[in-house]
Amino acid sequence: RYFSEADMAKVNNKGMSIWKSTYVANTPIPIREAQRTFPDD
């Protein structure tokens, strides 16, 4: 989904990976970041 910069300013996702157990449910992660941290070789 799309999220605006204003919306994302309220979100604390710094250093968070959607692929790790530390991911907080329903936290928006930039799709490019999800691509960069994709874990499967």
PDB file of all heavy atoms in Angstrom:
ATOM      1  N   ARG A   1       0.829  -1.216   0.000  1.00  0.00           N
ATOM      2  CA  ARG A   1       0.000   0.000   0.000  1.00  0.00           C
ATOM      3  C   ARG A   1       0.853   1.251   0.000  1.00  0.00           C
ATOM      4  O   ARG A   1       2.027   1.236   0.391  1.00  0.00           O
ATOM      5  CB  ARG A   1      -0.894   0.030   1.249  1.00  0.00           C
ATOM      6  CG  ARG A   1      -1.997  -0.997   1.276  1.00  0.00           C
ATOM      7  CD  ARG A   1      -2.733  -0.974   2.586  1.00  0.00           C
ATOM      8  NE  ARG A   1      -3.081   0.371   3.015  1.00  0.00           N
ATOM      9  CZ  ARG A   1      -3.528   0.689   4.221  1.00  0.00           C
ATOM     10  NH1 ARG A   1      -3.664  -0.265   5.143  1.00  0.00           N
ATOM     11  NH2 ARG A   1      -3.837   1.925   4.534  1.00  0.00           N
ATOM     12  N   TYR A   2       0.210   2.333  -0.407  1.00  0.00           N
ATOM     13  CA  TYR A   2       0.857   3.646  -0.345  1.00  0.00           C
ATOM     14  C   TYR A   2       0.688   4.249   1.050  1.00  0.00           C
ATOM     15  O   TYR A   2      -0.381   4.159   1.651  1.00  0.00           O
ATOM     16  CB  TYR A   2       0.234   4.585  -1.379  1.00  0.00           C
ATOM     17  CG  TYR A   2       0.659   6.029  -1.201  1.00  0.00           C
ATOM     18  CD1 TYR A   2       1.839   6.502  -1.763  1.00  0.00           C
ATOM     19  CD2 TYR A   2      -0.124   6.912  -0.443  1.00  0.00           C
ATOM     20  CE1 TYR A   2       2.240   7.823  -1.580  1.00  0.00           C
ATOM     21  CE2 TYR A   2       0.267   8.231  -0.264  1.00  0.00           C
ATOM     22  CZ  TYR A   2       1.454   8.674  -0.830  1.00  0.00           C
ATOM     23  OH  TYR A   2       1.845   9.978  -0.647  1.00  0.00           O
ATOM     24  N   PHE A   3       1.773   4.846   1.570  1.00  0.00           N
ATOM     25  CA  PHE A   3       1.723   5.646   2.792  1.00  0.00           C
ATOM     26  C   PHE A   3       2.464   6.956   2.519  1.00  0.00           C
ATOM     27  O   PHE A   3       3.555   6.957   1.951  1.00  0.00           O
ATOM     28  CB  PHE A   3       2.385   4.918   3.979  1.00  0.00           C
ATOM     29  CG  PHE A   3       1.570   3.781   4.520  1.00  0.00           C
ATOM     30  CD1 PHE A   3       1.741   2.490   4.027  1.00  0.00           C
ATOM     31  CD2 PHE A   3       0.620   3.995   5.509  1.00  0.00           C
ATOM     32  CE1 PHE A   3       0.997   1.433   4.515  1.00  0.00           C
ATOM     33  CE2 PHE A   3      -0.128   2.939   6.011  1.00  0.00           C
ATOM     34  CZ  PHE A   3       0.053   1.669   5.517  1.00  0.00           C
ATOM     35  N   SER A   4       1.856   8.061   2.940  1.00  0.00           N
ATOM     36  CA  SER A   4       2.468   9.372   2.711  1.00  0.00           C
ATOM     37  C   SER A   4       3.620   9.603   3.679  1.00  0.00           C
ATOM     38  O   SER A   4       3.771   8.907   4.687  1.00  0.00           O
ATOM     39  CB  SER A   4       1.416  10.469   2.901  1.00  0.00           C
ATOM     40  OG  SER A   4       1.027  10.537   4.266  1.00  0.00           O
ATOM     41  N   GLU A   5       4.428  10.608   3.372  1.00  0.00           N
ATOM     42  CA  GLU A   5       5.550  10.963   4.251  1.00  0.00           C
ATOM     43  C   GLU A   5       5.024  11.385   5.621  1.00  0.00           C
ATOM     44  O   GLU A   5       5.637  11.088   6.656  1.00  0.00           O
ATOM     45  CB  GLU A   5       6.375  12.081   3.621  1.00  0.00           C
ATOM     46  CG  GLU A   5       7.178  11.645   2.400  1.00  0.00           C
ATOM     47  CD  GLU A   5       8.056  12.767   1.883  1.00  0.00           C
ATOM     48  OE1 GLU A   5       8.134  13.837   2.537  1.00  0.00           O
ATOM     49  OE2 GLU A   5       8.675  12.583   0.812  1.00  0.00           O
ATOM     50  N   ALA A   6       3.898  12.097   5.633  1.00  0.00           N
ATOM     51  CA  ALA A   6       3.312  12.530   6.906  1.00  0.00           C
ATOM     52  C   ALA A   6       2.893  11.329   7.746  1.00  0.00           C
ATOM     53  O   ALA A   6       3.101  11.301   8.966  1.00  0.00           O
ATOM     54  CB  ALA A   6       2.108  13.435   6.641  1.00  0.00           C
ATOM     55  N   ASP A   7       2.309  10.343   7.101  1.00  0.00           N
ATOM     56  CA  ASP A   7       1.924   9.124   7.818  1.00  0.00           C
ATOM     57  C   ASP A   7       3.151   8.408   8.370  1.00  0.00           C
ATOM     58  O   ASP A   7       3.166   7.949   9.517  1.00  0.00           O
ATOM     59  CB  ASP A   7       1.164   8.171   6.897  1.00  0.00           C
ATOM     60  CG  ASP A   7      -0.212   8.702   6.526  1.00  0.00           C
ATOM     61  OD1 ASP A   7      -0.832   9.357   7.371  1.00  0.00           O
ATOM     62  OD2 ASP A   7      -0.651   8.470   5.386  1.00  0.00           O
ATOM     63  N   MET A   8       4.176   8.331   7.559  1.00  0.00           N
ATOM     64  CA  MET A   8       5.363   7.578   7.948  1.00  0.00           C
ATOM     65  C   MET A   8       6.172   8.299   9.021  1.00  0.00           C
ATOM     66  O   MET A   8       6.941   7.666   9.761  1.00  0.00           O
ATOM     67  CB  MET A   8       6.242   7.302   6.724  1.00  0.00           C
ATOM     68  CG  MET A   8       5.607   6.327   5.731  1.00  0.00           C
ATOM     69  SD  MET A   8       5.015   4.792   6.507  1.00  0.00           S
ATOM     70  CE  MET A   8       6.546   4.137   7.139  1.00  0.00           C
ATOM     71  N   ALA A   9       5.986   9.613   9.119  1.00  0.00           N
ATOM     72  CA  ALA A   9       6.701  10.363  10.160  1.00  0.00           C
ATOM     73  C   ALA A   9       6.246   9.922  11.556  1.00  0.00           C
ATOM     74  O   ALA A   9       6.973  10.102  12.544  1.00  0.00           O
ATOM     75  CB  ALA A   9       6.471  11.859   9.972  1.00  0.00           C
ATOM     76  N   LYS A  10       5.047   9.352  11.629  1.00  0.00           N
ATOM     77  CA  LYS A  10       4.514   8.905  12.923  1.00  0.00           C
ATOM     78  C   LYS A  10       4.875   7.452  13.237  1.00  0.00           C
ATOM     79  O   LYS A  10       4.518   6.927  14.279  1.00  0.00           O
ATOM     80  CB  LYS A  10       2.982   9.041  12.919  1.00  0.00           C
ATOM     81  CG  LYS A  10       2.482  10.436  12.557  1.00  0.00           C
ATOM     82  CD  LYS A  10       0.981  10.410  12.336  1.00  0.00           C
ATOM     83  CE  LYS A  10       0.483  11.730  11.766  1.00  0.00           C
ATOM     84  NZ  LYS A  10      -0.956  11.667  11.421  1.00  0.00           N
ATOM     85  N   VAL A  11       5.557   6.790  12.299  1.00  0.00           N
ATOM     86  CA  VAL A  11       5.848   5.365  12.434  1.00  0.00           C
ATOM     87  C   VAL A  11       7.312   5.160  12.804  1.00  0.00           C
ATOM     88  O   VAL A  11       8.207   5.758  12.199  1.00  0.00           O
ATOM     89  CB  VAL A  11       5.538   4.623  11.114  1.00  0.00           C
ATOM     90  CG1 VAL A  11       5.974   3.164  11.208  1.00  0.00           C
ATOM     91  CG2 VAL A  11       4.042   4.713  10.791  1.00  0.00           C
ATOM     92  N   ASN A  12       7.521   4.336  13.770  1.00  0.00           N
ATOM     93  CA  ASN A  12       8.897   4.001  14.165  1.00  0.00           C
ATOM     94  C   ASN A  12       9.261   2.634  13.574  1.00  0.00           C
ATOM     95  O   ASN A  12       8.982   1.590  14.150  1.00  0.00           O
ATOM     96  CB  ASN A  12       9.032   3.969  15.686  1.00  0.00           C
ATOM     97  CG  ASN A  12      10.445   3.629  16.117  1.00  0.00           C
ATOM     98  OD1 ASN A  12      11.386   3.749  15.328  1.00  0.00           O
ATOM     99  ND2 ASN A  12      10.606   3.195  17.358  1.00  0.00           N
ATOM    100  N   ASN A  13       9.876   2.670  12.381  1.00  0.00           N
ATOM    101  CA  ASN A  13      10.287   1.416  11.742  1.00  0.00           C
ATOM    102  C   ASN A  13      11.792   1.377  11.482  1.00  0.00           C
ATOM    103  O   ASN A  13      12.274   0.581  10.681  1.00  0.00           O
ATOM    104  CB  ASN A  13       9.521   1.192  10.437  1.00  0.00           C
ATOM    105  CG  ASN A  13       9.811   2.269   9.402  1.00  0.00           C
ATOM    106  OD1 ASN A  13      10.553   3.227   9.669  1.00  0.00           O
ATOM    107  ND2 ASN A  13       9.223   2.133   8.219  1.00  0.00           N
ATOM    108  N   LYS A  14      12.505   2.261  12.139  1.00  0.00           N
ATOM    109  CA  LYS A  14      13.946   2.356  11.910  1.00  0.00           C
ATOM    110  C   LYS A  14      14.630   1.033  12.258  1.00  0.00           C
ATOM    111  O   LYS A  14      14.480   0.501  13.360  1.00  0.00           O
ATOM    112  CB  LYS A  14      14.534   3.484  12.746  1.00  0.00           C
ATOM    113  CG  LYS A  14      16.003   3.775  12.423  1.00  0.00           C
ATOM    114  CD  LYS A  14      16.506   5.001  13.176  1.00  0.00           C
ATOM    115  CE  LYS A  14      17.951   5.295  12.806  1.00  0.00           C
ATOM    116  NZ  LYS A  14      18.472   6.481  13.543  1.00  0.00           N
ATOM    117  N   GLY A  15      15.394   0.511  11.306  1.00  0.00           N
ATOM    118  CA  GLY A  15      16.138  -0.732  11.506  1.00  0.00           C
ATOM    119  C   GLY A  15      15.283  -1.982  11.524  1.00  0.00           C
ATOM    120  O   GLY A  15      15.791  -3.077  11.755  1.00  0.00           O
ATOM    121  N   MET A  16      13.996  -1.834  11.288  1.00  0.00           N
ATOM    122  CA  MET A  16      13.090  -2.982  11.364  1.00  0.00           C
ATOM    123  C   MET A  16      13.065  -3.726  10.026  1.00  0.00           C
ATOM    124  O   MET A  16      13.085  -3.112   8.966  1.00  0.00           O
ATOM    125  CB  MET A  16      11.684  -2.507  11.726  1.00  0.00           C
ATOM    126  CG  MET A  16      10.720  -3.632  12.093  1.00  0.00           C
ATOM    127  SD  MET A  16       9.064  -2.999  12.491  1.00  0.00           S
ATOM    128  CE  MET A  16       9.422  -2.043  13.973  1.00  0.00           C
ATOM    129  N   SER A  17      13.029  -5.034  10.075  1.00  0.00           N
ATOM    130  CA  SER A  17      12.936  -5.866   8.874  1.00  0.00           C
ATOM    131  C   SER A  17      11.676  -6.705   8.943  1.00  0.00           C
ATOM    132  O   SER A  17      11.385  -7.337   9.967  1.00  0.00           O
ATOM    133  CB  SER A  17      14.153  -6.784   8.743  1.00  0.00           C
ATOM    134  OG  SER A  17      13.944  -7.711   7.683  1.00  0.00           O
ATOM    135  N   ILE A  18      10.948  -6.725   7.863  1.00  0.00           N
ATOM    136  CA  ILE A  18       9.712  -7.511   7.807  1.00  0.00           C
ATOM    137  C   ILE A  18      10.004  -9.004   7.766  1.00  0.00           C
ATOM    138  O   ILE A  18       9.114  -9.830   7.962  1.00  0.00           O
ATOM    139  CB  ILE A  18       8.851  -7.079   6.593  1.00  0.00           C
ATOM    140  CG1 ILE A  18       7.378  -7.483   6.793  1.00  0.00           C
ATOM    141  CG2 ILE A  18       9.407  -7.649   5.285  1.00  0.00           C
ATOM    142  CD1 ILE A  18       6.419  -6.845   5.816  1.00  0.00           C
ATOM    143  N   TRP A  19      11.267  -9.352   7.583  1.00  0.00           N
ATOM    144  CA  TRP A  19      11.676 -10.754   7.491  1.00  0.00           C
ATOM    145  C   TRP A  19      12.176 -11.316   8.820  1.00  0.00           C
ATOM    146  O   TRP A  19      12.512 -12.497   8.897  1.00  0.00           O
ATOM    147  CB  TRP A  19      12.775 -10.913   6.434  1.00  0.00           C
ATOM    148  CG  TRP A  19      12.449 -10.264   5.126  1.00  0.00           C
ATOM    149  CD1 TRP A  19      12.976  -9.107   4.643  1.00  0.00           C
ATOM    150  CD2 TRP A  19      11.511 -10.715   4.150  1.00  0.00           C
ATOM    151  NE1 TRP A  19      12.438  -8.800   3.419  1.00  0.00           N
ATOM    152  CE2 TRP A  19      11.532  -9.780   3.085  1.00  0.00           C
ATOM    153  CE3 TRP A  19      10.654 -11.818   4.059  1.00  0.00           C
ATOM    154  CZ2 TRP A  19      10.736  -9.914   1.955  1.00  0.00           C
ATOM    155  CZ3 TRP A  19       9.873 -11.953   2.930  1.00  0.00           C
ATOM    156  CH2 TRP A  19       9.901 -11.016   1.892  1.00  0.00           C
ATOM    157  N   LYS A  20      12.257 -10.476   9.869  1.00  0.00           N
ATOM    158  CA  LYS A  20      12.830 -10.923  11.144  1.00  0.00           C
ATOM    159  C   LYS A  20      11.777 -10.996  12.246  1.00  0.00           C
ATOM    160  O   LYS A  20      10.741 -10.322  12.181  1.00  0.00           O
ATOM    161  CB  LYS A  20      13.966  -9.990  11.558  1.00  0.00           C
ATOM    162  CG  LYS A  20      15.169 -10.054  10.614  1.00  0.00           C
ATOM    163  CD  LYS A  20      16.299  -9.167  11.103  1.00  0.00           C
ATOM    164  CE  LYS A  20      17.525  -9.299  10.192  1.00  0.00           C
ATOM    165  NZ  LYS A  20      18.639  -8.427  10.647  1.00  0.00           N
ATOM    166  N   SER A  21      12.076 -11.775  13.248  1.00  0.00           N
ATOM    167  CA  SER A  21      11.128 -11.983  14.350  1.00  0.00           C
ATOM    168  C   SER A  21      10.877 -10.709  15.140  1.00  0.00           C
ATOM    169  O   SER A  21       9.883 -10.611  15.863  1.00  0.00           O
ATOM    170  CB  SER A  21      11.657 -13.079  15.287  1.00  0.00           C
ATOM    171  OG  SER A  21      12.924 -12.708  15.816  1.00  0.00           O
ATOM    172  N   THR A  22      11.764  -9.710  15.001  1.00  0.00           N
ATOM    173  CA  THR A  22      11.590  -8.441  15.719  1.00  0.00           C
ATOM    174  C   THR A  22      10.592  -7.510  15.026  1.00  0.00           C
ATOM    175  O   THR A  22      10.299  -6.431  15.547  1.00  0.00           O
ATOM    176  CB  THR A  22      12.939  -7.727  15.836  1.00  0.00           C
ATOM    177  OG1 THR A  22      13.536  -7.628  14.533  1.00  0.00           O
ATOM    178  CG2 THR A  22      13.887  -8.492  16.757  1.00  0.00           C
ATOM    179  N   TYR A  23      10.094  -7.935  13.873  1.00  0.00           N
ATOM    180  CA  TYR A  23       9.119  -7.096  13.157  1.00  0.00           C
ATOM    181  C   TYR A  23       7.853  -6.928  13.992  1.00  0.00           C
ATOM    182  O   TYR A  23       7.306  -7.905  14.518  1.00  0.00           O
ATOM    183  CB  TYR A  23       8.772  -7.718  11.803  1.00  0.00           C
ATOM    184  CG  TYR A  23       7.648  -7.016  11.064  1.00  0.00           C
ATOM    185  CD1 TYR A  23       7.853  -5.783  10.458  1.00  0.00           C
ATOM    186  CD2 TYR A  23       6.372  -7.584  10.994  1.00  0.00           C
ATOM    187  CE1 TYR A  23       6.816  -5.136   9.785  1.00  0.00           C
ATOM    188  CE2 TYR A  23       5.329  -6.956  10.322  1.00  0.00           C
ATOM    189  CZ  TYR A  23       5.567  -5.723   9.724  1.00  0.00           C
ATOM    190  OH  TYR A  23       4.537  -5.080   9.062  1.00  0.00           O
ATOM    191  N   VAL A  24       7.384  -5.675  14.093  1.00  0.00           N
ATOM    192  CA  VAL A  24       6.157  -5.366  14.830  1.00  0.00           C
ATOM    193  C   VAL A  24       4.975  -5.431  13.866  1.00  0.00           C
ATOM    194  O   VAL A  24       4.999  -4.802  12.807  1.00  0.00           O
ATOM    195  CB  VAL A  24       6.249  -3.975  15.488  1.00  0.00           C
ATOM    196  CG1 VAL A  24       4.947  -3.637  16.198  1.00  0.00           C
ATOM    197  CG2 VAL A  24       7.428  -3.918  16.450  1.00  0.00           C
ATOM    198  N   ALA A  25       3.968  -6.161  14.235  1.00  0.00           N
ATOM    199  CA  ALA A  25       2.821  -6.396  13.355  1.00  0.00           C
ATOM    200  C   ALA A  25       2.262  -5.100  12.787  1.00  0.00           C
ATOM    201  O   ALA A  25       2.118  -4.096  13.488  1.00  0.00           O
ATOM    202  CB  ALA A  25       1.728  -7.147  14.106  1.00  0.00           C
ATOM    203  N   ASN A  26       1.963  -5.141  11.484  1.00  0.00           N
ATOM    204  CA  ASN A  26       1.294  -4.050  10.746  1.00  0.00           C
ATOM    205  C   ASN A  26       2.107  -2.763  10.698  1.00  0.00           C
ATOM    206  O   ASN A  26       1.535  -1.677  10.544  1.00  0.00           O
ATOM    207  CB  ASN A  26      -0.092  -3.785  11.338  1.00  0.00           C
ATOM    208  CG  ASN A  26      -0.986  -5.005  11.266  1.00  0.00           C
ATOM    209  OD1 ASN A  26      -1.025  -5.693  10.237  1.00  0.00           O
ATOM    210  ND2 ASN A  26      -1.679  -5.311  12.349  1.00  0.00           N
ATOM    211  N   THR A  27       3.413  -2.877  10.811  1.00  0.00           N
ATOM    212  CA  THR A  27       4.291  -1.716  10.640  1.00  0.00           C
ATOM    213  C   THR A  27       4.663  -1.582   9.170  1.00  0.00           C
ATOM    214  O   THR A  27       5.201  -2.532   8.587  1.00  0.00           O
ATOM    215  CB  THR A  27       5.577  -1.858  11.467  1.00  0.00           C
ATOM    216  OG1 THR A  27       5.224  -2.015  12.844  1.00  0.00           O
ATOM    217  CG2 THR A  27       6.460  -0.625  11.315  1.00  0.00           C
ATOM    218  N   PRO A  28       4.399  -0.436   8.532  1.00  0.00           N
ATOM    219  CA  PRO A  28       4.751  -0.282   7.117  1.00  0.00           C
ATOM    220  C   PRO A  28       6.272  -0.257   6.936  1.00  0.00           C
ATOM    221  O   PRO A  28       6.988   0.454   7.634  1.00  0.00           O
ATOM    222  CB  PRO A  28       4.140   1.068   6.733  1.00  0.00           C
ATOM    223  CG  PRO A  28       3.155   1.384   7.810  1.00  0.00           C
ATOM    224  CD  PRO A  28       3.676   0.748   9.050  1.00  0.00           C
ATOM    225  N   ILE A  29       6.738  -1.053   5.992  1.00  0.00           N
ATOM    226  CA  ILE A  29       8.155  -1.092   5.632  1.00  0.00           C
ATOM    227  C   ILE A  29       8.252  -0.710   4.158  1.00  0.00           C
ATOM    228  O   ILE A  29       7.533  -1.273   3.321  1.00  0.00           O
ATOM    229  CB  ILE A  29       8.747  -2.504   5.830  1.00  0.00           C
ATOM    230  CG1 ILE A  29       8.583  -2.968   7.281  1.00  0.00           C
ATOM    231  CG2 ILE A  29      10.212  -2.549   5.406  1.00  0.00           C
ATOM    232  CD1 ILE A  29       9.347  -2.161   8.304  1.00  0.00           C
ATOM    233  N   PRO A  30       9.100   0.252   3.791  1.00  0.00           N
ATOM    234  CA  PRO A  30       9.243   0.596   2.370  1.00  0.00           C
ATOM    235  C   PRO A  30       9.528  -0.649   1.531  1.00  0.00           C
ATOM    236  O   PRO A  30      10.339  -1.497   1.927  1.00  0.00           O
ATOM    237  CB  PRO A  30      10.430   1.559   2.355  1.00  0.00           C
ATOM    238  CG  PRO A  30      10.437   2.156   3.731  1.00  0.00           C
ATOM    239  CD  PRO A  30       9.985   1.060   4.654  1.00  0.00           C
ATOM    240  N   ILE A  31       8.869  -0.773   0.417  1.00  0.00           N
ATOM    241  CA  ILE A  31       9.002  -1.987  -0.389  1.00  0.00           C
ATOM    242  C   ILE A  31      10.433  -2.167  -0.889  1.00  0.00           C
ATOM    243  O   ILE A  31      10.921  -3.297  -1.018  1.00  0.00           O
ATOM    244  CB  ILE A  31       7.982  -1.997  -1.553  1.00  0.00           C
ATOM    245  CG1 ILE A  31       7.918  -3.408  -2.183  1.00  0.00           C
ATOM    246  CG2 ILE A  31       8.294  -0.926  -2.580  1.00  0.00           C
ATOM    247  CD1 ILE A  31       6.775  -3.589  -3.154  1.00  0.00           C
ATOM    248  N   ARG A  32      11.109  -1.051  -1.136  1.00  0.00           N
ATOM    249  CA  ARG A  32      12.514  -1.159  -1.553  1.00  0.00           C
ATOM    250  C   ARG A  32      13.375  -1.713  -0.421  1.00  0.00           C
ATOM    251  O   ARG A  32      14.356  -2.430  -0.657  1.00  0.00           O
ATOM    252  CB  ARG A  32      13.037   0.204  -2.011  1.00  0.00           C
ATOM    253  CG  ARG A  32      12.432   0.713  -3.309  1.00  0.00           C
ATOM    254  CD  ARG A  32      12.764  -0.189  -4.487  1.00  0.00           C
ATOM    255  NE  ARG A  32      14.173  -0.212  -4.790  1.00  0.00           N
ATOM    256  CZ  ARG A  32      14.765   0.598  -5.654  1.00  0.00           C
ATOM    257  NH1 ARG A  32      14.052   1.507  -6.319  1.00  0.00           N
ATOM    258  NH2 ARG A  32      16.055   0.523  -5.887  1.00  0.00           N
ATOM    259  N   GLU A  33      13.022  -1.394   0.817  1.00  0.00           N
ATOM    260  CA  GLU A  33      13.768  -1.923   1.963  1.00  0.00           C
ATOM    261  C   GLU A  33      13.496  -3.421   2.111  1.00  0.00           C
ATOM    262  O   GLU A  33      14.412  -4.203   2.421  1.00  0.00           O
ATOM    263  CB  GLU A  33      13.359  -1.183   3.235  1.00  0.00           C
ATOM    264  CG  GLU A  33      14.068  -1.628   4.501  1.00  0.00           C
ATOM    265  CD  GLU A  33      15.573  -1.348   4.494  1.00  0.00           C
ATOM    266  OE1 GLU A  33      16.058  -0.581   3.619  1.00  0.00           O
ATOM    267  OE2 GLU A  33      16.270  -1.900   5.370  1.00  0.00           O
ATOM    268  N   ALA A  34      12.259  -3.822   1.879  1.00  0.00           N
ATOM    269  CA  ALA A  34      11.932  -5.250   1.919  1.00  0.00           C
ATOM    270  C   ALA A  34      12.699  -6.002   0.843  1.00  0.00           C
ATOM    271  O   ALA A  34      13.151  -7.133   1.050  1.00  0.00           O
ATOM    272  CB  ALA A  34      10.430  -5.447   1.739  1.00  0.00           C
ATOM    273  N   GLN A  35      12.855  -5.369  -0.307  1.00  0.00           N
ATOM    274  CA  GLN A  35      13.647  -5.978  -1.374  1.00  0.00           C
ATOM    275  C   GLN A  35      15.119  -6.078  -0.968  1.00  0.00           C
ATOM    276  O   GLN A  35      15.761  -7.113  -1.160  1.00  0.00           O
ATOM    277  CB  GLN A  35      13.509  -5.162  -2.661  1.00  0.00           C
ATOM    278  CG  GLN A  35      14.314  -5.727  -3.829  1.00  0.00           C
ATOM    279  CD  GLN A  35      14.363  -4.782  -5.017  1.00  0.00           C
ATOM    280  OE1 GLN A  35      14.373  -3.557  -4.838  1.00  0.00           O
ATOM    281  NE2 GLN A  35      14.381  -5.325  -6.221  1.00  0.00           N
ATOM    282  N   ARG A  36      15.646  -4.998  -0.388  1.00  0.00           N
ATOM    283  CA  ARG A  36      17.072  -4.963  -0.026  1.00  0.00           C
ATOM    284  C   ARG A  36      17.418  -6.011   1.028  1.00  0.00           C
ATOM    285  O   ARG A  36      18.492  -6.612   0.984  1.00  0.00           O
ATOM    286  CB  ARG A  36      17.437  -3.568   0.485  1.00  0.00           C
ATOM    287  CG  ARG A  36      18.934  -3.360   0.730  1.00  0.00           C
ATOM    288  CD  ARG A  36      19.210  -2.016   1.373  1.00  0.00           C
ATOM    289  NE  ARG A  36      18.717  -1.940   2.750  1.00  0.00           N
ATOM    290  CZ  ARG A  36      19.361  -2.467   3.789  1.00  0.00           C
ATOM    291  NH1 ARG A  36      20.505  -3.102   3.627  1.00  0.00           N
ATOM    292  NH2 ARG A  36      18.847  -2.356   5.011  1.00  0.00           N
ATOM    293  N   THR A  37      16.492  -6.247   1.957  1.00  0.00           N
ATOM    294  CA  THR A  37      16.777  -7.164   3.065  1.00  0.00           C
ATOM    295  C   THR A  37      16.222  -8.564   2.837  1.00  0.00           C
ATOM    296  O   THR A  37      16.201  -9.383   3.758  1.00  0.00           O
ATOM    297  CB  THR A  37      16.180  -6.597   4.364  1.00  0.00           C
ATOM    298  OG1 THR A  37      14.761  -6.402   4.193  1.00  0.00           O
ATOM    299  CG2 THR A  37      16.829  -5.265   4.731  1.00  0.00           C
ATOM    300  N   PHE A  38      15.778  -8.854   1.627  1.00  0.00           N
ATOM    301  CA  PHE A  38      15.211 -10.169   1.325  1.00  0.00           C
ATOM    302  C   PHE A  38      16.232 -11.258   1.675  1.00  0.00           C
ATOM    303  O   PHE A  38      17.377 -11.227   1.217  1.00  0.00           O
ATOM    304  CB  PHE A  38      14.841 -10.239  -0.154  1.00  0.00           C
ATOM    305  CG  PHE A  38      14.106 -11.493  -0.546  1.00  0.00           C
ATOM    306  CD1 PHE A  38      12.801 -11.701  -0.148  1.00  0.00           C
ATOM    307  CD2 PHE A  38      14.732 -12.468  -1.317  1.00  0.00           C
ATOM    308  CE1 PHE A  38      12.115 -12.845  -0.506  1.00  0.00           C
ATOM    309  CE2 PHE A  38      14.059 -13.620  -1.682  1.00  0.00           C
ATOM    310  CZ  PHE A  38      12.745 -13.809  -1.286  1.00  0.00           C
ATOM    311  N   PRO A  39      15.840 -12.269   2.471  1.00  0.00           N
ATOM    312  CA  PRO A  39      16.830 -13.169   3.066  1.00  0.00           C
ATOM    313  C   PRO A  39      17.180 -14.435   2.284  1.00  0.00           C
ATOM    314  O   PRO A  39      18.072 -15.173   2.691  1.00  0.00           O
ATOM    315  CB  PRO A  39      16.161 -13.559   4.390  1.00  0.00           C
ATOM    316  CG  PRO A  39      14.702 -13.542   4.076  1.00  0.00           C
ATOM    317  CD  PRO A  39      14.500 -12.442   3.074  1.00  0.00           C
ATOM    318  N   ASP A  40      16.496 -14.711   1.171  1.00  0.00           N
ATOM    319  CA  ASP A  40      16.707 -15.985   0.491  1.00  0.00           C
ATOM    320  C   ASP A  40      17.770 -15.853  -0.601  1.00  0.00           C
ATOM    321  O   ASP A  40      17.601 -15.086  -1.546  1.00  0.00           O
ATOM    322  CB  ASP A  40      15.392 -16.470  -0.125  1.00  0.00           C
ATOM    323  CG  ASP A  40      15.456 -17.919  -0.574  1.00  0.00           C
ATOM    324  OD1 ASP A  40      16.562 -18.411  -0.824  1.00  0.00           O
ATOM    325  OD2 ASP A  40      14.393 -18.556  -0.675  1.00  0.00           O
ATOM    326  N   ASP A  41      18.835 -16.615  -0.497  1.00  0.00           N
ATOM    327  CA  ASP A  41      19.909 -16.562  -1.494  1.00  0.00           C
ATOM    328  C   ASP A  41      19.548 -17.320  -2.764  1.00  0.00           C
ATOM    329  O   ASP A  41      20.190 -17.135  -3.806  1.00  0.00           O
ATOM    330  CB  ASP A  41      21.212 -17.148  -0.918  1.00  0.00           C
ATOM    331  CG  ASP A  41      21.773 -16.299   0.211  1.00  0.00           C
ATOM    332  OD1 ASP A  41      21.508 -15.070   0.194  1.00  0.00           O
ATOM    333  OD2 ASP A  41      22.460 -16.845   1.092  1.00  0.00           O
TER     334      ASP A  41
END
